[in-house]
């Protein structure tokens, strides 16, 4: 099987706030879309602010029918968890640095799937949509007019088998959690599920501090595919997907903090851009890395460094963007998928324990 790449658009300039719509007019089967968004940081810095903070929904639609629909942040988390592919994260707080982030929108069970893909000819008017609203700031945002969008269709040139379906990912419920109580998310029973992703996003907290238990059930608990604490689901995610790595160029002084996108950091290191500027890790709190930065001027004199300097923080951990993934079996085998069309109702019951930005994402198969 051979793949080739087709640009739907290449570094297209966008307004600071824009809903960009692009027709998908590729005739051959599309295995996946690659989406890259970039913007130039403010003239002084872009402190703890990333491109994904300013991109809302990224969608593939056919008229009013939604095929794919997640926020940029949710796509990044899903790439990490369901595909095991880390998204492109070129993050820097430095003055006028270009930040670049990329996501994959897969239409198959895996990249290059010969039987599950998007056949645009089966739809009347397939389109790609992305909603961007850049924060314009010299210190905590981006330079006006610096936004660019690239969309690449990875096409199956030859070797595709019969199309058995298209993998869809959609945000099925979105809410702000409470300190107590149980949230019922009523999920559609129209297509089979490969799995669901639950987001419990609250700064300085991991996902299990926001959602403590996840139960999914069908037909008033006639069948309960899963009922487990978020602590145990987080541990299962560690076993299934292993560690994730992330790096970020920071601009901080002596006792600096850097907010990353892994909400359960296990290890971190901090390096410096020039000599005689050692740094050490002081604390790890959810997605925050606290480090001590020093300045060695004359050997052996050393003191805390009061000047904000470029330093790189690298972390290894889990829970991208405060998300956990619950698979219903092996994603490569359709016999393992949850066949919800055989039931009348499908619910996710989420036990809440803190106020955070929450969502339930479903990965389904469009037959």
Protein backbone atom coordinates (compact mmCIF):
# COMPACT_ATOMS: atom_id res chain seq x y z
CA UNK A 1 0.00 0.00 0.00
CA UNK A 2 1.30 3.43 -0.94
CA UNK A 3 0.43 6.74 0.69
CA UNK A 4 0.85 10.24 -0.67
CA UNK A 5 0.29 13.68 0.81
CA UNK A 6 -2.09 16.30 -0.56
CA UNK A 7 -2.13 19.87 0.79
CA UNK A 8 -5.64 21.14 1.39
CA UNK A 9 -3.93 24.37 2.43
CA UNK A 10 -0.31 25.23 3.24
CA UNK A 11 0.55 27.85 5.88
CA UNK A 12 -2.55 29.83 5.04
CA UNK A 13 -2.61 33.18 6.82
CA UNK A 14 -5.65 33.61 9.02
CA UNK A 15 -7.19 36.52 10.90
CA UNK A 16 -6.65 36.68 14.66
CA UNK A 17 -10.23 35.44 15.00
CA UNK A 18 -11.53 33.27 12.18
CA UNK A 19 -13.61 30.23 11.35
CA UNK A 20 -11.70 28.68 8.45
CA UNK A 21 -13.62 26.31 6.15
CA UNK A 22 -11.91 24.19 3.49
CA UNK A 23 -13.59 21.86 1.00
CA UNK A 24 -12.30 18.29 1.01
CA UNK A 25 -12.21 17.53 -2.70
CA UNK A 26 -9.77 14.60 -2.66
CA UNK A 27 -11.10 11.65 -4.66
CA UNK A 28 -8.86 8.89 -3.27
CA UNK A 29 -9.35 7.32 0.20
CA UNK A 30 -8.04 9.55 3.01
CA UNK A 31 -6.34 7.71 5.87
CA UNK A 32 -5.96 10.80 8.05
CA UNK A 33 -5.68 14.57 8.11
CA UNK A 34 -2.68 16.34 9.60
CA UNK A 35 -3.46 19.81 10.96
CA UNK A 36 -0.71 22.27 11.95
CA UNK A 37 -1.41 25.65 13.56
CA UNK A 38 1.33 28.17 14.26
CA UNK A 39 1.57 31.69 15.66
CA UNK A 40 4.37 34.04 16.70
CA UNK A 41 4.68 34.89 20.38
CA UNK A 42 4.45 38.40 21.79
CA UNK A 43 7.32 40.85 21.53
CA UNK A 44 8.31 40.28 25.18
CA UNK A 45 7.15 36.72 25.92
CA UNK A 46 4.23 34.31 25.71
CA UNK A 47 4.09 33.12 29.30
CA UNK A 48 2.21 29.85 29.96
CA UNK A 49 0.05 30.28 26.88
CA UNK A 50 -0.03 27.92 23.92
CA UNK A 51 -1.65 27.69 20.51
CA UNK A 52 -4.07 24.99 21.68
CA UNK A 53 -5.49 27.44 24.23
CA UNK A 54 -6.78 29.56 21.35
CA UNK A 55 -8.23 26.93 19.00
CA UNK A 56 -11.79 25.80 19.66
CA UNK A 57 -13.45 23.14 17.53
CA UNK A 58 -11.64 21.29 14.75
CA UNK A 59 -14.20 19.46 12.66
CA UNK A 60 -14.93 17.44 9.54
CA UNK A 61 -18.54 17.82 8.45
CA UNK A 62 -20.85 16.99 5.59
CA UNK A 63 -23.46 19.71 5.65
CA UNK A 64 -25.21 19.36 9.02
CA UNK A 65 -23.80 15.86 9.61
CA UNK A 66 -20.76 15.95 11.90
CA UNK A 67 -18.10 13.33 11.19
CA UNK A 68 -15.36 14.61 13.53
CA UNK A 69 -15.62 17.35 16.17
CA UNK A 70 -13.21 17.99 19.06
CA UNK A 71 -11.34 20.94 20.46
CA UNK A 72 -7.66 21.17 19.49
CA UNK A 73 -6.75 20.25 23.07
CA UNK A 74 -8.98 17.15 22.94
CA UNK A 75 -7.47 16.07 19.63
CA UNK A 76 -4.00 16.29 21.16
CA UNK A 77 -5.05 14.16 24.12
CA UNK A 78 -6.78 11.60 21.89
CA UNK A 79 -3.69 11.36 19.64
CA UNK A 80 -1.60 10.59 22.71
CA UNK A 81 -4.03 8.07 24.19
CA UNK A 82 -5.83 6.16 21.45
CA UNK A 83 -3.12 6.20 18.76
CA UNK A 84 -0.08 6.40 21.01
CA UNK A 85 1.22 9.18 18.75
CA UNK A 86 2.43 12.34 20.53
CA UNK A 87 1.17 15.46 18.78
CA UNK A 88 3.55 18.08 17.42
CA UNK A 89 4.32 20.45 20.29
CA UNK A 90 6.90 23.13 19.51
CA UNK A 91 6.31 25.33 22.55
CA UNK A 92 8.35 28.37 23.55
CA UNK A 93 7.77 31.31 25.88
CA UNK A 94 10.65 33.26 24.35
CA UNK A 95 10.09 36.67 22.77
CA UNK A 96 8.72 36.47 19.21
CA UNK A 97 9.22 32.70 19.09
CA UNK A 98 7.06 30.71 16.67
CA UNK A 99 4.86 28.13 18.38
CA UNK A 100 3.74 25.19 16.22
CA UNK A 101 1.28 22.52 17.23
CA UNK A 102 -0.05 19.69 15.14
CA UNK A 103 -2.79 17.08 15.46
CA UNK A 104 -3.90 14.02 13.54
CA UNK A 105 -7.53 13.36 12.62
CA UNK A 106 -7.56 9.61 11.91
CA UNK A 107 -10.30 8.03 9.84
CA UNK A 108 -8.97 4.52 10.47
CA UNK A 109 -8.20 2.31 13.44
CA UNK A 110 -4.53 3.19 12.88
CA UNK A 111 -2.58 5.30 10.40
CA UNK A 112 -2.63 3.64 6.98
CA UNK A 113 -5.59 1.38 7.78
CA UNK A 114 -6.51 -0.25 4.41
CA UNK A 115 -10.17 -0.88 5.33
CA UNK A 116 -11.29 2.07 7.47
CA UNK A 117 -10.82 5.50 5.92
CA UNK A 118 -12.69 8.54 4.62
CA UNK A 119 -14.08 8.20 1.12
CA UNK A 120 -15.09 11.79 0.37
CA UNK A 121 -17.08 10.72 -2.70
CA UNK A 122 -19.60 9.05 -0.37
CA UNK A 123 -20.54 12.46 1.01
CA UNK A 124 -22.20 15.40 -0.70
CA UNK A 125 -20.11 18.29 0.60
CA UNK A 126 -17.33 17.18 2.99
CA UNK A 127 -15.53 20.10 4.62
CA UNK A 128 -12.80 20.76 7.16
CA UNK A 129 -13.43 23.49 9.74
CA UNK A 130 -11.22 25.09 12.38
CA UNK A 131 -12.17 27.90 14.75
CA UNK A 132 -9.25 30.07 15.89
CA UNK A 133 -9.30 33.05 18.28
CA UNK A 134 -5.71 34.08 19.06
CA UNK A 135 -4.97 35.99 22.25
CA UNK A 136 -3.10 39.12 21.17
CA UNK A 137 -0.59 40.26 23.78
CA UNK A 138 3.05 41.29 24.02
CA UNK A 139 3.58 39.16 27.14
CA UNK A 140 0.96 36.39 27.44
CA UNK A 141 -0.20 35.91 23.86
CA UNK A 142 0.67 36.21 20.21
CA UNK A 143 1.52 38.88 17.66
CA UNK A 144 -1.41 40.06 15.59
CA UNK A 145 -1.61 38.64 12.08
CA UNK A 146 0.84 35.81 12.78
CA UNK A 147 -1.57 32.86 12.64
CA UNK A 148 -1.02 30.17 9.99
CA UNK A 149 -2.89 26.93 9.26
CA UNK A 150 -1.70 23.89 7.28
CA UNK A 151 -3.92 20.90 6.48
CA UNK A 152 -2.48 17.80 4.80
CA UNK A 153 -4.57 14.85 3.60
CA UNK A 154 -2.66 11.56 3.79
CA UNK A 155 -4.16 9.64 0.90
CA UNK A 156 -4.06 5.93 0.07
CA UNK A 157 -2.65 5.95 -3.46
CA UNK A 158 -3.16 2.23 -4.01
CA UNK A 159 -3.68 -0.92 -1.98
CA UNK A 160 -6.86 0.15 -0.19
CA UNK A 161 -9.32 -2.66 0.46
CA UNK A 162 -13.09 -2.33 0.60
CA UNK A 163 -14.19 0.51 2.86
CA UNK A 164 -15.71 -1.04 5.98
CA UNK A 165 -16.28 2.26 7.76
CA UNK A 166 -14.86 5.54 9.06
CA UNK A 167 -13.66 6.14 12.61
CA UNK A 168 -15.36 9.20 14.11
CA UNK A 169 -14.41 11.18 17.22
CA UNK A 170 -16.89 13.62 18.74
CA UNK A 171 -17.36 15.54 21.96
CA UNK A 172 -20.61 14.05 23.23
CA UNK A 173 -20.95 16.00 26.48
CA UNK A 174 -19.26 19.08 27.92
CA UNK A 175 -19.84 20.57 31.35
CA UNK A 176 -18.29 22.19 34.41
CA UNK A 177 -18.13 19.64 37.18
CA UNK A 178 -19.23 20.26 40.76
CA UNK A 179 -17.53 19.47 44.06
CA UNK A 180 -19.98 16.60 44.64
CA UNK A 181 -22.67 14.68 42.82
CA UNK A 182 -22.97 12.36 39.84
CA UNK A 183 -23.21 13.58 36.26
CA UNK A 184 -25.21 11.53 33.78
CA UNK A 185 -23.95 11.82 30.22
CA UNK A 186 -26.47 10.34 27.82
CA UNK A 187 -24.55 8.94 24.85
CA UNK A 188 -25.95 8.07 21.41
CA UNK A 189 -26.65 4.47 20.46
CA UNK A 190 -26.30 4.96 16.71
CA UNK A 191 -22.84 3.47 16.01
CA UNK A 192 -20.41 1.02 17.67
CA UNK A 193 -17.80 2.42 20.08
CA UNK A 194 -14.07 1.74 20.15
CA UNK A 195 -13.77 3.64 23.43
CA UNK A 196 -14.51 6.87 25.27
CA UNK A 197 -12.22 9.56 26.60
CA UNK A 198 -13.09 11.49 29.76
CA UNK A 199 -11.59 14.92 30.39
CA UNK A 200 -11.30 16.35 33.90
CA UNK A 201 -9.30 19.52 33.35
CA UNK A 202 -8.46 21.64 36.40
CA UNK A 203 -5.11 23.37 36.80
CA UNK A 204 -2.84 21.94 39.51
CA UNK A 205 -5.05 18.83 39.76
CA UNK A 206 -4.97 15.50 37.97
CA UNK A 207 -8.06 13.98 36.40
CA UNK A 208 -8.98 11.77 39.36
CA UNK A 209 -9.24 14.86 41.57
CA UNK A 210 -12.03 16.13 39.29
CA UNK A 211 -13.83 12.90 38.31
CA UNK A 212 -13.39 10.14 40.89
CA UNK A 213 -15.36 7.30 39.28
CA UNK A 214 -16.54 6.36 35.79
CA UNK A 215 -19.39 3.96 35.07
CA UNK A 216 -20.77 3.18 31.62
CA UNK A 217 -23.95 1.14 31.33
CA UNK A 218 -26.59 0.11 28.81
CA UNK A 219 -30.35 -0.31 29.21
CA UNK A 220 -30.57 0.69 32.90
CA UNK A 221 -27.53 -1.39 33.88
CA UNK A 222 -28.62 -4.51 32.03
CA UNK A 223 -25.01 -4.50 30.83
CA UNK A 224 -22.20 -2.58 32.57
CA UNK A 225 -19.05 -2.56 30.41
CA UNK A 226 -17.04 -0.59 33.01
CA UNK A 227 -17.39 0.72 36.54
CA UNK A 228 -14.08 1.73 38.06
CA UNK A 229 -12.41 4.53 39.94
CA UNK A 230 -10.42 7.11 38.01
CA UNK A 231 -7.36 6.15 40.06
CA UNK A 232 -7.55 2.63 38.65
CA UNK A 233 -8.31 3.85 35.12
CA UNK A 234 -5.27 6.12 35.33
CA UNK A 235 -3.17 3.14 36.35
CA UNK A 236 -4.57 1.10 33.45
CA UNK A 237 -3.68 3.93 31.08
CA UNK A 238 -0.10 3.75 32.40
CA UNK A 239 -0.04 0.00 31.68
CA UNK A 240 -1.57 0.33 28.20
CA UNK A 241 0.12 3.45 26.87
CA UNK A 242 3.26 3.93 28.96
CA UNK A 243 4.95 7.27 29.52
CA UNK A 244 4.44 10.42 27.48
CA UNK A 245 7.18 12.99 27.00
CA UNK A 246 6.93 16.75 26.57
CA UNK A 247 9.41 19.62 26.30
CA UNK A 248 8.84 23.36 26.60
CA UNK A 249 11.18 26.35 26.33
CA UNK A 250 10.45 28.63 29.28
CA UNK A 251 11.44 32.18 30.16
CA UNK A 252 11.67 32.24 33.97
CA UNK A 253 13.94 33.42 36.80
CA UNK A 254 15.09 31.90 40.12
CA UNK A 255 12.07 30.00 41.50
CA UNK A 256 10.28 29.46 38.21
CA UNK A 257 7.18 27.47 37.39
CA UNK A 258 6.20 26.02 34.05
CA UNK A 259 2.76 24.69 33.16
CA UNK A 260 2.91 21.69 30.85
CA UNK A 261 0.14 19.53 29.37
CA UNK A 262 0.71 16.27 31.25
CA UNK A 263 -1.37 16.34 34.42
CA UNK A 264 0.42 13.50 36.21
CA UNK A 265 4.14 14.22 35.84
CA UNK A 266 6.41 11.51 37.14
CA UNK A 267 9.82 12.97 36.25
CA UNK A 268 11.16 16.30 35.02
CA UNK A 269 14.48 17.97 34.29
CA UNK A 270 15.42 21.58 33.54
CA UNK A 271 18.34 22.54 31.33
CA UNK A 272 19.78 25.95 30.56
CA UNK A 273 20.70 27.65 27.32
CA UNK A 274 24.09 29.03 28.33
CA UNK A 275 26.83 28.03 30.74
CA UNK A 276 26.87 28.81 34.45
CA UNK A 277 23.06 28.77 34.82
CA UNK A 278 22.29 25.48 36.62
CA UNK A 279 18.72 24.58 37.57
CA UNK A 280 17.10 21.86 39.63
CA UNK A 281 13.55 20.57 40.05
CA UNK A 282 11.92 21.61 43.34
CA UNK A 283 8.37 20.27 43.04
CA UNK A 284 5.92 18.53 40.68
CA UNK A 285 2.24 19.41 41.11
CA UNK A 286 -0.09 17.93 38.47
CA UNK A 287 0.95 19.78 35.27
CA UNK A 288 3.20 22.32 37.04
CA UNK A 289 6.97 21.98 37.28
CA UNK A 290 8.68 24.21 39.85
CA UNK A 291 12.42 24.62 39.46
CA UNK A 292 15.19 26.59 41.12
CA UNK A 293 17.48 28.56 38.81
CA UNK A 294 20.89 29.80 39.84
CA UNK A 295 23.58 32.00 38.33
CA UNK A 296 27.24 31.20 38.74
CA UNK A 297 29.19 34.38 38.02
CA UNK A 298 32.64 33.82 39.42
CA UNK A 299 33.73 30.32 40.38
CA UNK A 300 32.82 29.22 42.99
CA UNK A 301 30.30 32.03 43.75
CA UNK A 302 26.67 31.07 43.09
CA UNK A 303 23.35 32.78 43.79
CA UNK A 304 19.69 32.70 42.82
CA UNK A 305 19.15 34.02 39.31
CA UNK A 306 16.76 37.00 39.40
CA UNK A 307 16.80 37.40 35.61
CA UNK A 308 14.27 35.62 33.43
CA UNK A 309 16.25 33.44 31.04
CA UNK A 310 15.56 30.82 28.42
CA UNK A 311 15.50 27.35 29.94
CA UNK A 312 14.06 24.09 28.65
CA UNK A 313 11.83 21.94 30.85
CA UNK A 314 11.40 18.30 29.88
CA UNK A 315 8.85 16.11 31.61
CA UNK A 316 7.66 12.51 31.50
CA UNK A 317 4.23 11.59 32.75
CA UNK A 318 0.63 10.70 32.02
CA UNK A 319 -2.85 12.19 31.59
CA UNK A 320 -2.45 14.55 28.60
CA UNK A 321 -4.64 17.60 29.15
CA UNK A 322 -6.23 15.89 32.16
CA UNK A 323 -7.74 13.11 30.03
CA UNK A 324 -8.24 9.37 30.61
CA UNK A 325 -9.14 6.82 27.93
CA UNK A 326 -11.44 3.83 28.40
CA UNK A 327 -11.16 1.35 25.50
CA UNK A 328 -13.79 -1.32 25.02
CA UNK A 329 -11.33 -3.81 23.59
CA UNK A 330 -8.62 -4.04 20.97
CA UNK A 331 -9.20 -1.20 18.52
CA UNK A 332 -7.94 -3.28 15.58
CA UNK A 333 -10.63 -5.96 16.03
CA UNK A 334 -14.25 -5.04 15.30
CA UNK A 335 -15.42 -8.04 17.33
CA UNK A 336 -14.14 -6.26 20.47
CA UNK A 337 -16.06 -3.02 19.93
CA UNK A 338 -19.06 -2.08 22.05
CA UNK A 339 -22.11 -2.73 19.87
CA UNK A 340 -24.45 -0.13 21.35
CA UNK A 341 -26.93 -0.23 18.41
CA UNK A 342 -28.20 -3.45 20.00
CA UNK A 343 -29.41 -1.44 23.01
CA UNK A 344 -31.92 1.35 23.62
CA UNK A 345 -29.87 3.67 25.85
CA UNK A 346 -26.25 4.23 26.78
CA UNK A 347 -25.10 6.32 29.75
CA UNK A 348 -21.86 7.39 31.37
CA UNK A 349 -22.13 8.21 35.09
CA UNK A 350 -19.31 10.43 36.31
CA UNK A 351 -18.79 10.95 40.04
CA UNK A 352 -17.66 14.56 40.53
CA UNK A 353 -15.19 15.69 43.18
CA UNK A 354 -14.00 19.16 42.09
CA UNK A 355 -15.02 22.00 39.77
CA UNK A 356 -13.25 21.57 36.45
CA UNK A 357 -13.77 21.70 32.69
CA UNK A 358 -15.08 18.26 31.78
CA UNK A 359 -16.06 16.45 28.60
CA UNK A 360 -16.92 12.99 27.33
CA UNK A 361 -15.50 12.09 23.92
CA UNK A 362 -16.72 9.08 21.96
CA UNK A 363 -14.78 7.18 19.28
CA UNK A 364 -17.34 5.49 17.03
CA UNK A 365 -17.43 3.67 13.71
CA UNK A 366 -19.51 5.10 10.88
CA UNK A 367 -20.57 2.10 8.79
